[in-house]
Amino acid sequence: NRSSDLLAVIEDFKWITYHIVNHDGSTEYTNADEKSAIAVTWGVFPGKEIIQPTVVDPASFHSWKDEAFALWHQQWGRLYSAGSESRRVIDRIHDTYFLANLVDNDYVKGNQLWDILSLVIANKDKDDEPEVKEMKAESESA
């Protein structure tokens, strides 16, 4: 799974807060304080206080997880017949992918998130994931 690659890269970016979880919450990685929220967007308007409309915290992330993974079955899955190749792909995504949330807490330095993703992709290019090879083999034999 790519989450281990992402975690390996994030180790070098100590100012990044992350939540990573699978569909049923049985596998989860985070470096966030369980009781703290992080403001991820804010607005500054003349003559007004700073507005912080969006926060990330572990409880909210778990709610987002439930909604995000439900979309694979409840919305996308309904478009395809059970047992079809398209439905198997959607089910596989639901069952094996992770939802990840990364927050760059050093906004002065610039957006390091793209650097992290570039490193994860570069590492993937070095060693094609066995899961990808398995999916290719399955589609060629069908």
N, C-alpha and C. Protein backbone atom coordinates (compact mmCIF):
# COMPACT_ATOMS: atom_id res chain seq x y z
N ASN A 1 0.83 -1.19 0.00
CA ASN A 1 0.00 0.00 0.00
C ASN A 1 0.86 1.24 0.00
N ARG A 2 0.38 2.27 -0.61
CA ARG A 2 1.14 3.52 -0.78
C ARG A 2 1.23 4.30 0.53
N SER A 3 0.40 3.98 1.50
CA SER A 3 0.44 4.74 2.75
C SER A 3 1.79 4.59 3.44
N SER A 4 2.41 3.42 3.34
CA SER A 4 3.73 3.25 3.96
C SER A 4 4.77 4.11 3.25
N ASP A 5 4.64 4.26 1.93
CA ASP A 5 5.55 5.14 1.19
C ASP A 5 5.36 6.59 1.62
N LEU A 6 4.11 6.99 1.77
CA LEU A 6 3.81 8.35 2.20
C LEU A 6 4.36 8.60 3.60
N LEU A 7 4.16 7.66 4.50
CA LEU A 7 4.67 7.81 5.87
C LEU A 7 6.19 7.92 5.90
N ALA A 8 6.86 7.15 5.06
CA ALA A 8 8.32 7.20 5.01
C ALA A 8 8.81 8.58 4.58
N VAL A 9 8.12 9.18 3.62
CA VAL A 9 8.51 10.51 3.14
C VAL A 9 8.17 11.58 4.18
N ILE A 10 7.01 11.48 4.80
CA ILE A 10 6.56 12.49 5.77
C ILE A 10 7.50 12.60 6.96
N GLU A 11 8.20 11.52 7.29
CA GLU A 11 9.14 11.55 8.42
C GLU A 11 10.09 12.73 8.33
N ASP A 12 10.47 13.12 7.13
CA ASP A 12 11.41 14.22 6.94
C ASP A 12 10.75 15.59 6.97
N PHE A 13 9.44 15.64 7.09
CA PHE A 13 8.70 16.90 7.11
C PHE A 13 7.97 17.00 8.44
N LYS A 14 8.70 17.33 9.48
CA LYS A 14 8.17 17.29 10.86
C LYS A 14 7.01 18.27 11.08
N TRP A 15 6.85 19.26 10.24
CA TRP A 15 5.81 20.27 10.41
C TRP A 15 4.50 19.90 9.71
N ILE A 16 4.46 18.71 9.12
CA ILE A 16 3.25 18.23 8.48
C ILE A 16 2.45 17.41 9.49
N THR A 17 1.17 17.73 9.62
CA THR A 17 0.27 16.92 10.44
C THR A 17 -0.52 16.04 9.48
N TYR A 18 -0.69 14.78 9.85
CA TYR A 18 -1.38 13.87 8.93
C TYR A 18 -2.35 12.95 9.66
N HIS A 19 -3.36 12.56 8.91
CA HIS A 19 -4.29 11.49 9.29
C HIS A 19 -4.39 10.59 8.06
N ILE A 20 -4.25 9.30 8.25
CA ILE A 20 -4.37 8.33 7.16
C ILE A 20 -5.17 7.16 7.72
N VAL A 21 -6.23 6.75 7.02
CA VAL A 21 -7.08 5.68 7.55
C VAL A 21 -7.70 4.90 6.40
N ASN A 22 -7.94 3.61 6.65
CA ASN A 22 -8.62 2.78 5.65
C ASN A 22 -10.13 2.84 5.88
N HIS A 23 -10.89 2.14 5.04
CA HIS A 23 -12.35 2.27 5.01
C HIS A 23 -13.03 1.92 6.32
N ASP A 24 -12.53 0.96 7.06
CA ASP A 24 -13.22 0.57 8.29
C ASP A 24 -12.51 1.04 9.55
N GLY A 25 -11.45 1.84 9.38
CA GLY A 25 -10.74 2.38 10.53
C GLY A 25 -9.83 1.38 11.23
N SER A 26 -9.67 0.19 10.65
CA SER A 26 -8.84 -0.83 11.30
C SER A 26 -7.34 -0.53 11.16
N THR A 27 -6.99 0.28 10.17
CA THR A 27 -5.60 0.72 10.01
C THR A 27 -5.61 2.24 9.95
N GLU A 28 -4.87 2.83 10.86
CA GLU A 28 -4.86 4.29 10.96
C GLU A 28 -3.49 4.76 11.38
N TYR A 29 -3.07 5.87 10.78
CA TYR A 29 -1.81 6.51 11.13
C TYR A 29 -2.09 7.99 11.33
N THR A 30 -1.54 8.55 12.38
CA THR A 30 -1.67 9.99 12.61
C THR A 30 -0.56 10.45 13.53
N ASN A 31 -0.19 11.69 13.38
CA ASN A 31 0.72 12.32 14.33
C ASN A 31 0.02 13.49 15.01
N ALA A 32 -1.29 13.56 14.85
CA ALA A 32 -2.07 14.67 15.40
C ALA A 32 -2.42 14.40 16.86
N ASP A 33 -2.53 15.47 17.58
CA ASP A 33 -3.00 15.39 18.96
C ASP A 33 -4.49 15.05 18.91
N GLU A 34 -4.88 14.00 19.61
CA GLU A 34 -6.26 13.52 19.58
C GLU A 34 -7.28 14.56 20.04
N LYS A 35 -6.84 15.54 20.82
CA LYS A 35 -7.78 16.49 21.40
C LYS A 35 -7.65 17.90 20.83
N SER A 36 -6.83 18.05 19.82
CA SER A 36 -6.61 19.39 19.26
C SER A 36 -7.13 19.47 17.83
N ALA A 37 -7.58 20.64 17.48
CA ALA A 37 -8.01 20.92 16.11
C ALA A 37 -6.99 21.84 15.46
N ILE A 38 -6.86 21.72 14.15
CA ILE A 38 -5.94 22.57 13.39
C ILE A 38 -6.78 23.37 12.41
N ALA A 39 -6.62 24.69 12.43
CA ALA A 39 -7.30 25.53 11.45
C ALA A 39 -6.56 25.40 10.12
N VAL A 40 -7.28 25.03 9.08
CA VAL A 40 -6.64 24.84 7.77
C VAL A 40 -6.98 25.94 6.77
N THR A 41 -8.00 26.71 7.02
CA THR A 41 -8.28 27.88 6.19
C THR A 41 -8.72 29.01 7.11
N TRP A 42 -8.52 30.19 6.68
CA TRP A 42 -8.97 31.33 7.44
C TRP A 42 -9.15 32.50 6.50
N GLY A 43 -9.85 33.49 6.96
CA GLY A 43 -10.07 34.68 6.15
C GLY A 43 -9.77 35.93 6.95
N VAL A 44 -9.18 36.91 6.29
CA VAL A 44 -8.89 38.19 6.92
C VAL A 44 -9.60 39.26 6.09
N PHE A 45 -10.50 39.99 6.75
CA PHE A 45 -11.28 41.01 6.07
C PHE A 45 -11.13 42.33 6.82
N PRO A 46 -11.05 43.45 6.09
CA PRO A 46 -10.87 44.74 6.74
C PRO A 46 -11.96 45.01 7.78
N GLY A 47 -11.55 45.44 8.96
CA GLY A 47 -12.48 45.79 10.01
C GLY A 47 -13.15 44.62 10.70
N LYS A 48 -12.70 43.40 10.45
CA LYS A 48 -13.32 42.23 11.07
C LYS A 48 -12.25 41.36 11.71
N GLU A 49 -12.69 40.50 12.64
CA GLU A 49 -11.78 39.53 13.23
C GLU A 49 -11.42 38.47 12.20
N ILE A 50 -10.33 37.78 12.45
CA ILE A 50 -9.93 36.68 11.57
C ILE A 50 -10.97 35.56 11.70
N ILE A 51 -11.39 35.05 10.54
CA ILE A 51 -12.39 33.99 10.50
C ILE A 51 -11.68 32.67 10.22
N GLN A 52 -11.96 31.65 11.03
CA GLN A 52 -11.37 30.33 10.84
C GLN A 52 -12.50 29.31 10.58
N PRO A 53 -12.91 29.17 9.32
CA PRO A 53 -14.07 28.33 9.05
C PRO A 53 -13.82 26.83 8.97
N THR A 54 -12.60 26.39 8.71
CA THR A 54 -12.37 24.96 8.53
C THR A 54 -11.29 24.48 9.48
N VAL A 55 -11.59 23.44 10.21
CA VAL A 55 -10.61 22.83 11.11
C VAL A 55 -10.52 21.34 10.83
N VAL A 56 -9.39 20.76 11.18
CA VAL A 56 -9.17 19.32 11.06
C VAL A 56 -8.87 18.79 12.44
N ASP A 57 -9.58 17.76 12.83
CA ASP A 57 -9.31 17.07 14.08
C ASP A 57 -9.64 15.60 13.88
N PRO A 58 -9.16 14.72 14.74
CA PRO A 58 -9.40 13.29 14.54
C PRO A 58 -10.88 12.90 14.44
N ALA A 59 -11.73 13.48 15.24
CA ALA A 59 -13.16 13.13 15.19
C ALA A 59 -13.78 13.53 13.85
N SER A 60 -13.48 14.73 13.38
CA SER A 60 -14.00 15.17 12.07
C SER A 60 -13.47 14.30 10.95
N PHE A 61 -12.20 13.95 11.05
CA PHE A 61 -11.60 13.13 9.99
C PHE A 61 -12.29 11.78 9.89
N HIS A 62 -12.65 11.20 11.02
CA HIS A 62 -13.35 9.91 10.98
C HIS A 62 -14.73 10.04 10.34
N SER A 63 -15.39 11.16 10.57
CA SER A 63 -16.67 11.39 9.90
C SER A 63 -16.47 11.53 8.39
N TRP A 64 -15.44 12.25 8.00
CA TRP A 64 -15.15 12.41 6.57
C TRP A 64 -14.82 11.06 5.96
N LYS A 65 -14.10 10.23 6.71
CA LYS A 65 -13.74 8.90 6.23
C LYS A 65 -14.99 8.11 5.90
N ASP A 66 -15.93 8.10 6.82
CA ASP A 66 -17.17 7.35 6.59
C ASP A 66 -17.90 7.85 5.35
N GLU A 67 -17.99 9.15 5.19
CA GLU A 67 -18.66 9.72 4.02
C GLU A 67 -17.91 9.41 2.73
N ALA A 68 -16.60 9.57 2.76
CA ALA A 68 -15.80 9.37 1.54
C ALA A 68 -15.87 7.93 1.05
N PHE A 69 -15.69 6.98 1.95
CA PHE A 69 -15.71 5.58 1.53
C PHE A 69 -17.12 5.12 1.17
N ALA A 70 -18.12 5.68 1.80
CA ALA A 70 -19.50 5.32 1.45
C ALA A 70 -19.82 5.71 0.01
N LEU A 71 -19.22 6.77 -0.47
CA LEU A 71 -19.46 7.20 -1.86
C LEU A 71 -19.05 6.13 -2.86
N TRP A 72 -18.00 5.37 -2.58
CA TRP A 72 -17.56 4.34 -3.52
C TRP A 72 -18.66 3.31 -3.74
N HIS A 73 -19.31 2.88 -2.67
CA HIS A 73 -20.36 1.86 -2.83
C HIS A 73 -21.72 2.48 -3.15
N GLN A 74 -22.08 3.53 -2.45
CA GLN A 74 -23.43 4.08 -2.58
C GLN A 74 -23.63 4.89 -3.85
N GLN A 75 -22.60 5.52 -4.34
CA GLN A 75 -22.75 6.32 -5.55
C GLN A 75 -22.13 5.62 -6.76
N TRP A 76 -20.83 5.42 -6.74
CA TRP A 76 -20.12 4.84 -7.88
C TRP A 76 -20.50 3.39 -8.09
N GLY A 77 -20.58 2.62 -7.01
CA GLY A 77 -20.88 1.19 -7.14
C GLY A 77 -22.22 0.91 -7.79
N ARG A 78 -23.19 1.75 -7.54
CA ARG A 78 -24.53 1.54 -8.11
C ARG A 78 -24.58 1.72 -9.63
N LEU A 79 -23.56 2.33 -10.17
CA LEU A 79 -23.54 2.55 -11.62
C LEU A 79 -23.22 1.29 -12.41
N TYR A 80 -22.68 0.27 -11.74
CA TYR A 80 -22.21 -0.92 -12.44
C TYR A 80 -22.81 -2.18 -11.84
N SER A 81 -23.01 -3.18 -12.67
CA SER A 81 -23.57 -4.45 -12.23
C SER A 81 -22.60 -5.16 -11.28
N ALA A 82 -23.18 -5.82 -10.28
CA ALA A 82 -22.37 -6.63 -9.38
C ALA A 82 -21.64 -7.69 -10.21
N GLY A 83 -20.37 -7.86 -9.95
CA GLY A 83 -19.58 -8.85 -10.67
C GLY A 83 -18.92 -8.32 -11.93
N SER A 84 -19.28 -7.11 -12.37
CA SER A 84 -18.64 -6.55 -13.56
C SER A 84 -17.22 -6.10 -13.21
N GLU A 85 -16.39 -5.99 -14.24
CA GLU A 85 -15.00 -5.54 -14.02
C GLU A 85 -14.98 -4.15 -13.39
N SER A 86 -15.84 -3.26 -13.85
CA SER A 86 -15.89 -1.91 -13.30
C SER A 86 -16.26 -1.93 -11.82
N ARG A 87 -17.21 -2.75 -11.48
CA ARG A 87 -17.63 -2.86 -10.07
C ARG A 87 -16.52 -3.46 -9.22
N ARG A 88 -15.78 -4.42 -9.76
CA ARG A 88 -14.65 -5.00 -9.01
C ARG A 88 -13.58 -3.95 -8.75
N VAL A 89 -13.33 -3.08 -9.72
CA VAL A 89 -12.35 -2.01 -9.53
C VAL A 89 -12.81 -1.08 -8.41
N ILE A 90 -14.06 -0.68 -8.44
CA ILE A 90 -14.60 0.20 -7.40
C ILE A 90 -14.54 -0.46 -6.03
N ASP A 91 -14.92 -1.72 -5.96
CA ASP A 91 -14.85 -2.44 -4.68
C ASP A 91 -13.42 -2.55 -4.18
N ARG A 92 -12.50 -2.79 -5.10
CA ARG A 92 -11.09 -2.88 -4.71
C ARG A 92 -10.57 -1.55 -4.18
N ILE A 93 -10.95 -0.46 -4.82
CA ILE A 93 -10.55 0.86 -4.33
C ILE A 93 -11.11 1.07 -2.93
N HIS A 94 -12.39 0.80 -2.75
CA HIS A 94 -13.02 0.96 -1.44
C HIS A 94 -12.30 0.14 -0.37
N ASP A 95 -11.97 -1.10 -0.70
CA ASP A 95 -11.43 -2.02 0.28
C ASP A 95 -9.94 -1.85 0.55
N THR A 96 -9.19 -1.28 -0.40
CA THR A 96 -7.73 -1.25 -0.24
C THR A 96 -7.10 0.14 -0.18
N TYR A 97 -7.82 1.17 -0.58
CA TYR A 97 -7.25 2.50 -0.56
C TYR A 97 -7.39 3.13 0.83
N PHE A 98 -6.62 4.18 1.05
CA PHE A 98 -6.64 4.93 2.30
C PHE A 98 -7.07 6.36 2.01
N LEU A 99 -7.75 6.96 2.96
CA LEU A 99 -8.05 8.39 2.91
C LEU A 99 -6.94 9.09 3.69
N ALA A 100 -6.36 10.11 3.10
CA ALA A 100 -5.25 10.82 3.74
C ALA A 100 -5.55 12.31 3.78
N ASN A 101 -5.17 12.91 4.87
CA ASN A 101 -5.29 14.36 5.05
C ASN A 101 -3.94 14.85 5.55
N LEU A 102 -3.33 15.75 4.78
CA LEU A 102 -2.04 16.33 5.16
C LEU A 102 -2.21 17.82 5.37
N VAL A 103 -1.68 18.34 6.46
CA VAL A 103 -1.74 19.76 6.74
C VAL A 103 -0.32 20.28 6.88
N ASP A 104 0.03 21.25 6.05
CA ASP A 104 1.35 21.89 6.11
C ASP A 104 1.24 23.02 7.12
N ASN A 105 1.86 22.85 8.28
CA ASN A 105 1.77 23.83 9.36
C ASN A 105 2.82 24.94 9.27
N ASP A 106 3.64 24.93 8.23
CA ASP A 106 4.65 25.97 8.06
C ASP A 106 4.36 26.74 6.78
N TYR A 107 3.29 27.53 6.80
CA TYR A 107 2.87 28.25 5.60
C TYR A 107 3.88 29.29 5.14
N VAL A 108 4.79 29.74 6.01
CA VAL A 108 5.81 30.72 5.62
C VAL A 108 6.81 30.09 4.65
N LYS A 109 7.12 28.82 4.87
CA LYS A 109 8.08 28.10 4.04
C LYS A 109 7.56 27.87 2.63
N GLY A 110 6.28 27.90 2.46
CA GLY A 110 5.69 27.58 1.17
C GLY A 110 5.05 26.22 1.25
N ASN A 111 4.34 25.87 0.22
CA ASN A 111 3.58 24.63 0.22
C ASN A 111 4.48 23.44 -0.05
N GLN A 112 4.80 22.70 1.00
CA GLN A 112 5.67 21.52 0.89
C GLN A 112 4.89 20.26 0.49
N LEU A 113 3.57 20.35 0.46
CA LEU A 113 2.77 19.16 0.15
C LEU A 113 3.09 18.60 -1.23
N TRP A 114 3.31 19.49 -2.20
CA TRP A 114 3.64 19.02 -3.56
C TRP A 114 4.98 18.31 -3.57
N ASP A 115 5.93 18.78 -2.76
CA ASP A 115 7.23 18.11 -2.66
C ASP A 115 7.06 16.70 -2.10
N ILE A 116 6.22 16.56 -1.10
CA ILE A 116 5.97 15.25 -0.50
C ILE A 116 5.37 14.31 -1.54
N LEU A 117 4.35 14.76 -2.23
CA LEU A 117 3.71 13.92 -3.24
C LEU A 117 4.67 13.56 -4.37
N SER A 118 5.50 14.50 -4.78
CA SER A 118 6.50 14.22 -5.82
C SER A 118 7.48 13.15 -5.37
N LEU A 119 7.89 13.19 -4.12
CA LEU A 119 8.80 12.17 -3.59
C LEU A 119 8.13 10.80 -3.54
N VAL A 120 6.87 10.75 -3.13
CA VAL A 120 6.15 9.48 -3.09
C VAL A 120 6.04 8.90 -4.50
N ILE A 121 5.71 9.74 -5.47
CA ILE A 121 5.59 9.28 -6.87
C ILE A 121 6.94 8.83 -7.40
N ALA A 122 8.00 9.58 -7.09
CA ALA A 122 9.34 9.19 -7.54
C ALA A 122 9.73 7.83 -6.96
N ASN A 123 9.39 7.59 -5.71
CA ASN A 123 9.69 6.29 -5.10
C ASN A 123 8.88 5.18 -5.76
N LYS A 124 7.65 5.47 -6.15
CA LYS A 124 6.81 4.48 -6.83
C LYS A 124 7.41 4.11 -8.18
N ASP A 125 7.91 5.12 -8.89
CA ASP A 125 8.48 4.87 -10.20
C ASP A 125 9.71 3.97 -10.14
N LYS A 126 10.42 4.00 -9.01
CA LYS A 126 11.61 3.16 -8.85
C LYS A 126 11.24 1.68 -8.75
N ASP A 127 10.11 1.41 -8.11
CA ASP A 127 9.73 0.02 -7.85
C ASP A 127 8.24 -0.12 -8.07
N ASP A 128 7.84 -0.60 -9.24
CA ASP A 128 6.41 -0.75 -9.54
C ASP A 128 5.78 -1.65 -8.49
N GLU A 129 4.73 -1.17 -7.90
CA GLU A 129 4.03 -1.85 -6.81
C GLU A 129 3.52 -3.21 -7.27
N PRO A 130 3.74 -4.29 -6.46
CA PRO A 130 3.23 -5.61 -6.83
C PRO A 130 1.72 -5.62 -7.08
N GLU A 131 0.97 -4.82 -6.34
CA GLU A 131 -0.49 -4.76 -6.53
C GLU A 131 -0.83 -4.28 -7.93
N VAL A 132 -0.05 -3.32 -8.45
CA VAL A 132 -0.28 -2.83 -9.81
C VAL A 132 0.00 -3.94 -10.81
N LYS A 133 1.09 -4.68 -10.61
CA LYS A 133 1.40 -5.80 -11.50
C LYS A 133 0.29 -6.83 -11.47
N GLU A 134 -0.25 -7.11 -10.27
CA GLU A 134 -1.34 -8.08 -10.13
C GLU A 134 -2.58 -7.61 -10.88
N MET A 135 -2.92 -6.33 -10.76
CA MET A 135 -4.09 -5.79 -11.47
C MET A 135 -3.88 -5.87 -12.98
N LYS A 136 -2.66 -5.57 -13.44
CA LYS A 136 -2.38 -5.67 -14.88
C LYS A 136 -2.54 -7.10 -15.37
N ALA A 137 -2.03 -8.05 -14.60
CA ALA A 137 -2.14 -9.46 -14.97
C ALA A 137 -3.59 -9.91 -15.01
N GLU A 138 -4.40 -9.46 -14.04
CA GLU A 138 -5.82 -9.81 -14.01
C GLU A 138 -6.54 -9.29 -15.23
N SER A 139 -6.25 -8.03 -15.62
CA SER A 139 -6.94 -7.44 -16.76
C SER A 139 -6.50 -8.07 -18.08
N GLU A 140 -5.25 -8.53 -18.15
CA GLU A 140 -4.77 -9.18 -19.38
C GLU A 140 -5.37 -10.57 -19.55
N SER A 141 -5.64 -11.25 -18.42
CA SER A 141 -6.18 -12.61 -18.52
C SER A 141 -7.70 -12.61 -18.72
N ALA A 142 -8.35 -11.47 -18.51
CA ALA A 142 -9.83 -11.41 -18.66
C ALA A 142 -10.25 -11.33 -20.10
